[in-house]
Amino acid sequence: EEVRLTVTNTDDPTLPVWTFRMWFLGLLSCA
């Protein structure tokens, strides 16, 4: 039940994840 109330059952596989923003902010945040 907790998962049903919190997590959506939808997804957009076209959303970009391997982006410059992800790398730049990810590396910066990690450092």
Full PDB file with SEQRES, HELIX, SHEET, SSBOND, CRYST1, ORIGX, SCALE, CONECT and MASTER records, all heavy atoms in Angstrom:
SEQRES   1 A   31  GLU GLU VAL ARG LEU THR VAL THR ASN THR ASP ASP PRO          
SEQRES   2 A   31  THR LEU PRO VAL TRP THR PHE ARG MET TRP PHE LEU GLY          
SEQRES   3 A   31  LEU LEU SER CYS ALA                                          
HELIX    1 AA1 GLU A    2  THR A    6  1                                   5    
HELIX    2 AA2 PHE A   20  CYS A   30  1                                  11    
CRYST1    1.000    1.000    1.000  90.00  90.00  90.00 P 1           1          
ORIGX1      1.000000  0.000000  0.000000        0.00000                         
ORIGX2      0.000000  1.000000  0.000000        0.00000                         
ORIGX3      0.000000  0.000000  1.000000        0.00000                         
SCALE1      1.000000  0.000000  0.000000        0.00000                         
SCALE2      0.000000  1.000000  0.000000        0.00000                         
SCALE3      0.000000  0.000000  1.000000        0.00000                         
ATOM      1  N   GLU A   1       0.815  -1.211   0.000  1.00  0.00           N  
ATOM      2  CA  GLU A   1       0.000   0.000   0.000  1.00  0.00           C  
ATOM      3  C   GLU A   1       0.851   1.264   0.000  1.00  0.00           C  
ATOM      4  O   GLU A   1       0.557   2.224  -0.715  1.00  0.00           O  
ATOM      5  CB  GLU A   1      -0.933  -0.002   1.214  1.00  0.00           C  
ATOM      6  CG  GLU A   1      -1.865   1.197   1.236  1.00  0.00           C  
ATOM      7  CD  GLU A   1      -2.805   1.180   2.430  1.00  0.00           C  
ATOM      8  OE1 GLU A   1      -2.671   0.276   3.276  1.00  0.00           O  
ATOM      9  OE2 GLU A   1      -3.661   2.070   2.506  1.00  0.00           O  
ATOM     10  N   GLU A   2       1.901   1.289   0.825  1.00  0.00           N  
ATOM     11  CA  GLU A   2       2.751   2.479   0.882  1.00  0.00           C  
ATOM     12  C   GLU A   2       3.355   2.798  -0.476  1.00  0.00           C  
ATOM     13  O   GLU A   2       3.506   3.964  -0.836  1.00  0.00           O  
ATOM     14  CB  GLU A   2       3.869   2.277   1.918  1.00  0.00           C  
ATOM     15  CG  GLU A   2       3.418   2.423   3.365  1.00  0.00           C  
ATOM     16  CD  GLU A   2       2.767   1.170   3.909  1.00  0.00           C  
ATOM     17  OE1 GLU A   2       2.490   0.228   3.128  1.00  0.00           O  
ATOM     18  OE2 GLU A   2       2.518   1.122   5.117  1.00  0.00           O  
ATOM     19  N   VAL A   3       3.730   1.765  -1.224  1.00  0.00           N  
ATOM     20  CA  VAL A   3       4.288   1.980  -2.560  1.00  0.00           C  
ATOM     21  C   VAL A   3       3.209   2.506  -3.498  1.00  0.00           C  
ATOM     22  O   VAL A   3       3.450   3.419  -4.297  1.00  0.00           O  
ATOM     23  CB  VAL A   3       4.902   0.675  -3.102  1.00  0.00           C  
ATOM     24  CG1 VAL A   3       5.395   0.871  -4.534  1.00  0.00           C  
ATOM     25  CG2 VAL A   3       6.043   0.217  -2.204  1.00  0.00           C  
ATOM     26  N   ARG A   4       1.997   1.949  -3.424  1.00  0.00           N  
ATOM     27  CA  ARG A   4       0.906   2.416  -4.280  1.00  0.00           C  
ATOM     28  C   ARG A   4       0.606   3.889  -4.051  1.00  0.00           C  
ATOM     29  O   ARG A   4       0.296   4.632  -4.987  1.00  0.00           O  
ATOM     30  CB  ARG A   4      -0.362   1.600  -4.019  1.00  0.00           C  
ATOM     31  CG  ARG A   4      -0.290   0.157  -4.444  1.00  0.00           C  
ATOM     32  CD  ARG A   4      -1.685  -0.445  -4.586  1.00  0.00           C  
ATOM     33  NE  ARG A   4      -2.513  -0.256  -3.410  1.00  0.00           N  
ATOM     34  CZ  ARG A   4      -2.499  -1.054  -2.346  1.00  0.00           C  
ATOM     35  NH1 ARG A   4      -1.654  -2.083  -2.313  1.00  0.00           N  
ATOM     36  NH2 ARG A   4      -3.302  -0.842  -1.321  1.00  0.00           N  
ATOM     37  N   LEU A   5       0.701   4.337  -2.790  1.00  0.00           N  
ATOM     38  CA  LEU A   5       0.370   5.716  -2.461  1.00  0.00           C  
ATOM     39  C   LEU A   5       1.488   6.687  -2.803  1.00  0.00           C  
ATOM     40  O   LEU A   5       1.257   7.898  -2.874  1.00  0.00           O  
ATOM     41  CB  LEU A   5       0.051   5.823  -0.958  1.00  0.00           C  
ATOM     42  CG  LEU A   5      -1.206   5.088  -0.475  1.00  0.00           C  
ATOM     43  CD1 LEU A   5      -1.309   5.168   1.041  1.00  0.00           C  
ATOM     44  CD2 LEU A   5      -2.450   5.662  -1.138  1.00  0.00           C  
ATOM     45  N   THR A   6       2.702   6.181  -2.996  1.00  0.00           N  
ATOM     46  CA  THR A   6       3.863   7.064  -3.158  1.00  0.00           C  
ATOM     47  C   THR A   6       4.433   7.064  -4.564  1.00  0.00           C  
ATOM     48  O   THR A   6       4.824   8.113  -5.088  1.00  0.00           O  
ATOM     49  CB  THR A   6       4.977   6.657  -2.161  1.00  0.00           C  
ATOM     50  OG1 THR A   6       4.440   6.607  -0.845  1.00  0.00           O  
ATOM     51  CG2 THR A   6       6.134   7.649  -2.197  1.00  0.00           C  
ATOM     52  N   VAL A   7       4.503   5.893  -5.191  1.00  0.00           N  
ATOM     53  CA  VAL A   7       5.199   5.740  -6.472  1.00  0.00           C  
ATOM     54  C   VAL A   7       4.173   5.713  -7.606  1.00  0.00           C  
ATOM     55  O   VAL A   7       3.185   4.971  -7.545  1.00  0.00           O  
ATOM     56  CB  VAL A   7       6.039   4.447  -6.488  1.00  0.00           C  
ATOM     57  CG1 VAL A   7       6.821   4.334  -7.786  1.00  0.00           C  
ATOM     58  CG2 VAL A   7       6.976   4.415  -5.283  1.00  0.00           C  
ATOM     59  N   THR A   8       4.414   6.503  -8.649  1.00  0.00           N  
ATOM     60  CA  THR A   8       3.501   6.526  -9.789  1.00  0.00           C  
ATOM     61  C   THR A   8       3.723   5.302 -10.675  1.00  0.00           C  
ATOM     62  O   THR A   8       4.816   4.733 -10.715  1.00  0.00           O  
ATOM     63  CB  THR A   8       3.708   7.791 -10.642  1.00  0.00           C  
ATOM     64  OG1 THR A   8       5.036   7.770 -11.181  1.00  0.00           O  
ATOM     65  CG2 THR A   8       3.523   9.038  -9.808  1.00  0.00           C  
ATOM     66  N   ASN A   9       2.689   4.924 -11.382  1.00  0.00           N  
ATOM     67  CA  ASN A   9       2.761   3.779 -12.296  1.00  0.00           C  
ATOM     68  C   ASN A   9       2.967   4.226 -13.736  1.00  0.00           C  
ATOM     69  O   ASN A   9       2.600   3.515 -14.671  1.00  0.00           O  
ATOM     70  CB  ASN A   9       1.479   2.937 -12.206  1.00  0.00           C  
ATOM     71  CG  ASN A   9       1.357   2.241 -10.863  1.00  0.00           C  
ATOM     72  OD1 ASN A   9       2.322   2.178 -10.103  1.00  0.00           O  
ATOM     73  ND2 ASN A   9       0.187   1.737 -10.562  1.00  0.00           N  
ATOM     74  N   THR A  10       3.544   5.396 -13.909  1.00  0.00           N  
ATOM     75  CA  THR A  10       3.789   5.920 -15.255  1.00  0.00           C  
ATOM     76  C   THR A  10       5.276   6.126 -15.461  1.00  0.00           C  
ATOM     77  O   THR A  10       6.042   6.256 -14.499  1.00  0.00           O  
ATOM     78  CB  THR A  10       3.053   7.253 -15.467  1.00  0.00           C  
ATOM     79  OG1 THR A  10       3.515   8.203 -14.474  1.00  0.00           O  
ATOM     80  CG2 THR A  10       1.551   7.066 -15.308  1.00  0.00           C  
ATOM     81  N   ASP A  11       5.674   6.170 -16.707  1.00  0.00           N  
ATOM     82  CA  ASP A  11       7.079   6.379 -17.041  1.00  0.00           C  
ATOM     83  C   ASP A  11       7.182   6.964 -18.443  1.00  0.00           C  
ATOM     84  O   ASP A  11       6.361   6.663 -19.318  1.00  0.00           O  
ATOM     85  CB  ASP A  11       7.851   5.058 -16.969  1.00  0.00           C  
ATOM     86  CG  ASP A  11       9.316   5.219 -17.351  1.00  0.00           C  
ATOM     87  OD1 ASP A  11       9.883   6.279 -17.017  1.00  0.00           O  
ATOM     88  OD2 ASP A  11       9.876   4.301 -17.978  1.00  0.00           O  
ATOM     89  N   ASP A  12       8.161   7.813 -18.629  1.00  0.00           N  
ATOM     90  CA  ASP A  12       8.455   8.374 -19.947  1.00  0.00           C  
ATOM     91  C   ASP A  12       9.876   7.974 -20.323  1.00  0.00           C  
ATOM     92  O   ASP A  12      10.842   8.632 -19.919  1.00  0.00           O  
ATOM     93  CB  ASP A  12       8.309   9.892 -19.924  1.00  0.00           C  
ATOM     94  CG  ASP A  12       8.539  10.519 -21.294  1.00  0.00           C  
ATOM     95  OD1 ASP A  12       8.823   9.767 -22.250  1.00  0.00           O  
ATOM     96  OD2 ASP A  12       8.445  11.758 -21.407  1.00  0.00           O  
ATOM     97  N   PRO A  13      10.034   6.889 -21.101  1.00  0.00           N  
ATOM     98  CA  PRO A  13      11.388   6.421 -21.454  1.00  0.00           C  
ATOM     99  C   PRO A  13      12.167   7.385 -22.333  1.00  0.00           C  
ATOM    100  O   PRO A  13      13.376   7.213 -22.493  1.00  0.00           O  
ATOM    101  CB  PRO A  13      11.110   5.107 -22.207  1.00  0.00           C  
ATOM    102  CG  PRO A  13       9.709   4.735 -21.875  1.00  0.00           C  
ATOM    103  CD  PRO A  13       8.989   6.017 -21.639  1.00  0.00           C  
ATOM    104  N   THR A  14      11.502   8.402 -22.878  1.00  0.00           N  
ATOM    105  CA  THR A  14      12.201   9.339 -23.770  1.00  0.00           C  
ATOM    106  C   THR A  14      12.926  10.444 -23.013  1.00  0.00           C  
ATOM    107  O   THR A  14      13.682  11.207 -23.617  1.00  0.00           O  
ATOM    108  CB  THR A  14      11.196   9.978 -24.738  1.00  0.00           C  
ATOM    109  OG1 THR A  14      10.250  10.772 -23.997  1.00  0.00           O  
ATOM    110  CG2 THR A  14      10.451   8.910 -25.528  1.00  0.00           C  
ATOM    111  N   LEU A  15      12.684  10.561 -21.696  1.00  0.00           N  
ATOM    112  CA  LEU A  15      13.353  11.612 -20.934  1.00  0.00           C  
ATOM    113  C   LEU A  15      14.862  11.393 -20.951  1.00  0.00           C  
ATOM    114  O   LEU A  15      15.341  10.299 -20.647  1.00  0.00           O  
ATOM    115  CB  LEU A  15      12.863  11.628 -19.487  1.00  0.00           C  
ATOM    116  CG  LEU A  15      11.454  12.164 -19.221  1.00  0.00           C  
ATOM    117  CD1 LEU A  15      11.125  12.028 -17.735  1.00  0.00           C  
ATOM    118  CD2 LEU A  15      11.332  13.619 -19.655  1.00  0.00           C  
ATOM    119  N   PRO A  16      15.643  12.417 -21.280  1.00  0.00           N  
ATOM    120  CA  PRO A  16      17.106  12.251 -21.297  1.00  0.00           C  
ATOM    121  C   PRO A  16      17.661  12.204 -19.882  1.00  0.00           C  
ATOM    122  O   PRO A  16      17.247  12.966 -19.003  1.00  0.00           O  
ATOM    123  CB  PRO A  16      17.579  13.510 -22.034  1.00  0.00           C  
ATOM    124  CG  PRO A  16      16.512  14.527 -21.787  1.00  0.00           C  
ATOM    125  CD  PRO A  16      15.211  13.765 -21.703  1.00  0.00           C  
ATOM    126  N   VAL A  17      18.581  11.291 -19.636  1.00  0.00           N  
ATOM    127  CA  VAL A  17      19.227  11.198 -18.323  1.00  0.00           C  
ATOM    128  C   VAL A  17      20.741  11.373 -18.416  1.00  0.00           C  
ATOM    129  O   VAL A  17      21.383  11.844 -17.492  1.00  0.00           O  
ATOM    130  CB  VAL A  17      18.916   9.848 -17.640  1.00  0.00           C  
ATOM    131  CG1 VAL A  17      17.437   9.739 -17.323  1.00  0.00           C  
ATOM    132  CG2 VAL A  17      19.351   8.671 -18.487  1.00  0.00           C  
ATOM    133  N   TRP A  18      21.314  10.997 -19.568  1.00  0.00           N  
ATOM    134  CA  TRP A  18      22.772  11.052 -19.748  1.00  0.00           C  
ATOM    135  C   TRP A  18      23.139  12.430 -20.299  1.00  0.00           C  
ATOM    136  O   TRP A  18      23.641  12.568 -21.388  1.00  0.00           O  
ATOM    137  CB  TRP A  18      23.189   9.939 -20.700  1.00  0.00           C  
ATOM    138  CG  TRP A  18      24.517   9.309 -20.415  1.00  0.00           C  
ATOM    139  CD1 TRP A  18      25.598   9.289 -21.239  1.00  0.00           C  
ATOM    140  CD2 TRP A  18      24.913   8.598 -19.256  1.00  0.00           C  
ATOM    141  NE1 TRP A  18      26.631   8.615 -20.653  1.00  0.00           N  
ATOM    142  CE2 TRP A  18      26.244   8.173 -19.424  1.00  0.00           C  
ATOM    143  CE3 TRP A  18      24.268   8.272 -18.056  1.00  0.00           C  
ATOM    144  CZ2 TRP A  18      26.936   7.437 -18.467  1.00  0.00           C  
ATOM    145  CZ3 TRP A  18      24.960   7.548 -17.099  1.00  0.00           C  
ATOM    146  CH2 TRP A  18      26.275   7.146 -17.314  1.00  0.00           C  
ATOM    147  N   THR A  19      22.860  13.471 -19.512  1.00  0.00           N  
ATOM    148  CA  THR A  19      22.976  14.844 -20.006  1.00  0.00           C  
ATOM    149  C   THR A  19      24.194  15.545 -19.420  1.00  0.00           C  
ATOM    150  O   THR A  19      24.750  15.124 -18.401  1.00  0.00           O  
ATOM    151  CB  THR A  19      21.724  15.651 -19.635  1.00  0.00           C  
ATOM    152  OG1 THR A  19      21.641  15.749 -18.205  1.00  0.00           O  
ATOM    153  CG2 THR A  19      20.455  14.984 -20.165  1.00  0.00           C  
ATOM    154  N   PHE A  20      24.563  16.646 -20.063  1.00  0.00           N  
ATOM    155  CA  PHE A  20      25.644  17.480 -19.543  1.00  0.00           C  
ATOM    156  C   PHE A  20      25.293  17.992 -18.148  1.00  0.00           C  
ATOM    157  O   PHE A  20      26.142  18.035 -17.257  1.00  0.00           O  
ATOM    158  CB  PHE A  20      25.894  18.656 -20.491  1.00  0.00           C  
ATOM    159  CG  PHE A  20      26.798  19.710 -19.910  1.00  0.00           C  
ATOM    160  CD1 PHE A  20      28.169  19.519 -19.862  1.00  0.00           C  
ATOM    161  CD2 PHE A  20      26.264  20.891 -19.383  1.00  0.00           C  
ATOM    162  CE1 PHE A  20      29.001  20.484 -19.308  1.00  0.00           C  
ATOM    163  CE2 PHE A  20      27.091  21.854 -18.829  1.00  0.00           C  
ATOM    164  CZ  PHE A  20      28.461  21.651 -18.802  1.00  0.00           C  
ATOM    165  N   ARG A  21      24.021  18.389 -17.959  1.00  0.00           N  
ATOM    166  CA  ARG A  21      23.592  18.903 -16.654  1.00  0.00           C  
ATOM    167  C   ARG A  21      23.770  17.851 -15.564  1.00  0.00           C  
ATOM    168  O   ARG A  21      24.215  18.146 -14.453  1.00  0.00           O  
ATOM    169  CB  ARG A  21      22.115  19.322 -16.711  1.00  0.00           C  
ATOM    170  CG  ARG A  21      21.826  20.494 -17.611  1.00  0.00           C  
ATOM    171  CD  ARG A  21      20.356  20.857 -17.566  1.00  0.00           C  
ATOM    172  NE  ARG A  21      19.488  19.753 -17.927  1.00  0.00           N  
ATOM    173  CZ  ARG A  21      18.565  19.813 -18.883  1.00  0.00           C  
ATOM    174  NH1 ARG A  21      18.420  20.933 -19.585  1.00  0.00           N  
ATOM    175  NH2 ARG A  21      17.793  18.774 -19.124  1.00  0.00           N  
ATOM    176  N   MET A  22      23.407  16.593 -15.887  1.00  0.00           N  
ATOM    177  CA  MET A  22      23.542  15.531 -14.895  1.00  0.00           C  
ATOM    178  C   MET A  22      24.998  15.327 -14.524  1.00  0.00           C  
ATOM    179  O   MET A  22      25.343  15.234 -13.340  1.00  0.00           O  
ATOM    180  CB  MET A  22      22.937  14.230 -15.438  1.00  0.00           C  
ATOM    181  CG  MET A  22      22.830  13.101 -14.397  1.00  0.00           C  
ATOM    182  SD  MET A  22      24.376  12.196 -14.083  1.00  0.00           S  
ATOM    183  CE  MET A  22      24.544  11.327 -15.640  1.00  0.00           C  
ATOM    184  N   TRP A  23      25.872  15.275 -15.529  1.00  0.00           N  
ATOM    185  CA  TRP A  23      27.295  15.071 -15.257  1.00  0.00           C  
ATOM    186  C   TRP A  23      27.893  16.249 -14.490  1.00  0.00           C  
ATOM    187  O   TRP A  23      28.629  16.070 -13.513  1.00  0.00           O  
ATOM    188  CB  TRP A  23      28.050  14.844 -16.562  1.00  0.00           C  
ATOM    189  CG  TRP A  23      27.943  13.451 -17.061  1.00  0.00           C  
ATOM    190  CD1 TRP A  23      27.212  12.996 -18.118  1.00  0.00           C  
ATOM    191  CD2 TRP A  23      28.580  12.291 -16.505  1.00  0.00           C  
ATOM    192  NE1 TRP A  23      27.339  11.638 -18.250  1.00  0.00           N  
ATOM    193  CE2 TRP A  23      28.182  11.172 -17.272  1.00  0.00           C  
ATOM    194  CE3 TRP A  23      29.432  12.073 -15.433  1.00  0.00           C  
ATOM    195  CZ2 TRP A  23      28.608   9.881 -17.019  1.00  0.00           C  
ATOM    196  CZ3 TRP A  23      29.863  10.787 -15.167  1.00  0.00           C  
ATOM    197  CH2 TRP A  23      29.464   9.704 -15.951  1.00  0.00           C  
ATOM    198  N   PHE A  24      27.585  17.452 -14.938  1.00  0.00           N  
ATOM    199  CA  PHE A  24      28.164  18.643 -14.308  1.00  0.00           C  
ATOM    200  C   PHE A  24      27.706  18.772 -12.862  1.00  0.00           C  
ATOM    201  O   PHE A  24      28.530  18.892 -11.932  1.00  0.00           O  
ATOM    202  CB  PHE A  24      27.778  19.896 -15.106  1.00  0.00           C  
ATOM    203  CG  PHE A  24      28.201  21.181 -14.452  1.00  0.00           C  
ATOM    204  CD1 PHE A  24      29.538  21.553 -14.415  1.00  0.00           C  
ATOM    205  CD2 PHE A  24      27.261  22.011 -13.858  1.00  0.00           C  
ATOM    206  CE1 PHE A  24      29.933  22.737 -13.797  1.00  0.00           C  
ATOM    207  CE2 PHE A  24      27.641  23.196 -13.237  1.00  0.00           C  
ATOM    208  CZ  PHE A  24      28.972  23.557 -13.207  1.00  0.00           C  
ATOM    209  N   LEU A  25      26.393  18.739 -12.632  1.00  0.00           N  
ATOM    210  CA  LEU A  25      25.875  18.895 -11.276  1.00  0.00           C  
ATOM    211  C   LEU A  25      26.176  17.674 -10.414  1.00  0.00           C  
ATOM    212  O   LEU A  25      26.402  17.798  -9.207  1.00  0.00           O  
ATOM    213  CB  LEU A  25      24.368  19.153 -11.322  1.00  0.00           C  
ATOM    214  CG  LEU A  25      23.937  20.489 -11.927  1.00  0.00           C  
ATOM    215  CD1 LEU A  25      22.418  20.585 -11.983  1.00  0.00           C  
ATOM    216  CD2 LEU A  25      24.509  21.651 -11.131  1.00  0.00           C  
ATOM    217  N   GLY A  26      26.185  16.477 -11.035  1.00  0.00           N  
ATOM    218  CA  GLY A  26      26.492  15.272 -10.274  1.00  0.00           C  
ATOM    219  C   GLY A  26      27.922  15.256  -9.770  1.00  0.00           C  
ATOM    220  O   GLY A  26      28.181  15.005  -8.587  1.00  0.00           O  
ATOM    221  N   LEU A  27      28.866  15.521 -10.666  1.00  0.00           N  
ATOM    222  CA  LEU A  27      30.275  15.558 -10.264  1.00  0.00           C  
ATOM    223  C   LEU A  27      30.535  16.676  -9.259  1.00  0.00           C  
ATOM    224  O   LEU A  27      31.262  16.497  -8.274  1.00  0.00           O  
ATOM    225  CB  LEU A  27      31.169  15.723 -11.487  1.00  0.00           C  
ATOM    226  CG  LEU A  27      31.251  14.508 -12.426  1.00  0.00           C  
ATOM    227  CD1 LEU A  27      31.932  14.886 -13.739  1.00  0.00           C  
ATOM    228  CD2 LEU A  27      32.006  13.364 -11.757  1.00  0.00           C  
ATOM    229  N   LEU A  28      29.929  17.846  -9.509  1.00  0.00           N  
ATOM    230  CA  LEU A  28      30.112  18.979  -8.597  1.00  0.00           C  
ATOM    231  C   LEU A  28      29.537  18.670  -7.221  1.00  0.00           C  
ATOM    232  O   LEU A  28      30.179  18.926  -6.194  1.00  0.00           O  
ATOM    233  CB  LEU A  28      29.438  20.222  -9.188  1.00  0.00           C  
ATOM    234  CG  LEU A  28      29.523  21.501  -8.337  1.00  0.00           C  
ATOM    235  CD1 LEU A  28      30.976  21.941  -8.188  1.00  0.00           C  
ATOM    236  CD2 LEU A  28      28.687  22.616  -8.969  1.00  0.00           C  
ATOM    237  N   SER A  29      28.338  18.105  -7.178  1.00  0.00           N  
ATOM    238  CA  SER A  29      27.704  17.779  -5.898  1.00  0.00           C  
ATOM    239  C   SER A  29      28.497  16.721  -5.147  1.00  0.00           C  
ATOM    240  O   SER A  29      28.688  16.815  -3.927  1.00  0.00           O  
ATOM    241  CB  SER A  29      26.276  17.278  -6.131  1.00  0.00           C  
ATOM    242  OG  SER A  29      25.498  18.255  -6.776  1.00  0.00           O  
ATOM    243  N   CYS A  30      28.955  15.710  -5.874  1.00  0.00           N  
ATOM    244  CA  CYS A  30      29.742  14.647  -5.251  1.00  0.00           C  
ATOM    245  C   CYS A  30      31.027  15.206  -4.647  1.00  0.00           C  
ATOM    246  O   CYS A  30      31.383  14.897  -3.505  1.00  0.00           O  
ATOM    247  CB  CYS A  30      30.059  13.576  -6.291  1.00  0.00           C  
ATOM    248  SG  CYS A  30      31.002  12.174  -5.650  1.00  0.00           S  
ATOM    249  N   ALA A  31      31.715  16.051  -5.410  1.00  0.00           N  
ATOM    250  CA  ALA A  31      32.969  16.634  -4.924  1.00  0.00           C  
ATOM    251  C   ALA A  31      32.728  17.543  -3.731  1.00  0.00           C  
ATOM    252  O   ALA A  31      33.463  17.509  -2.732  1.00  0.00           O  
ATOM    253  CB  ALA A  31      33.645  17.405  -6.053  1.00  0.00           C  
TER     254      ALA A  31                                                      
MASTER        0    0    0    2    0    0    0    6  253    1    0    3          
END                                                                             
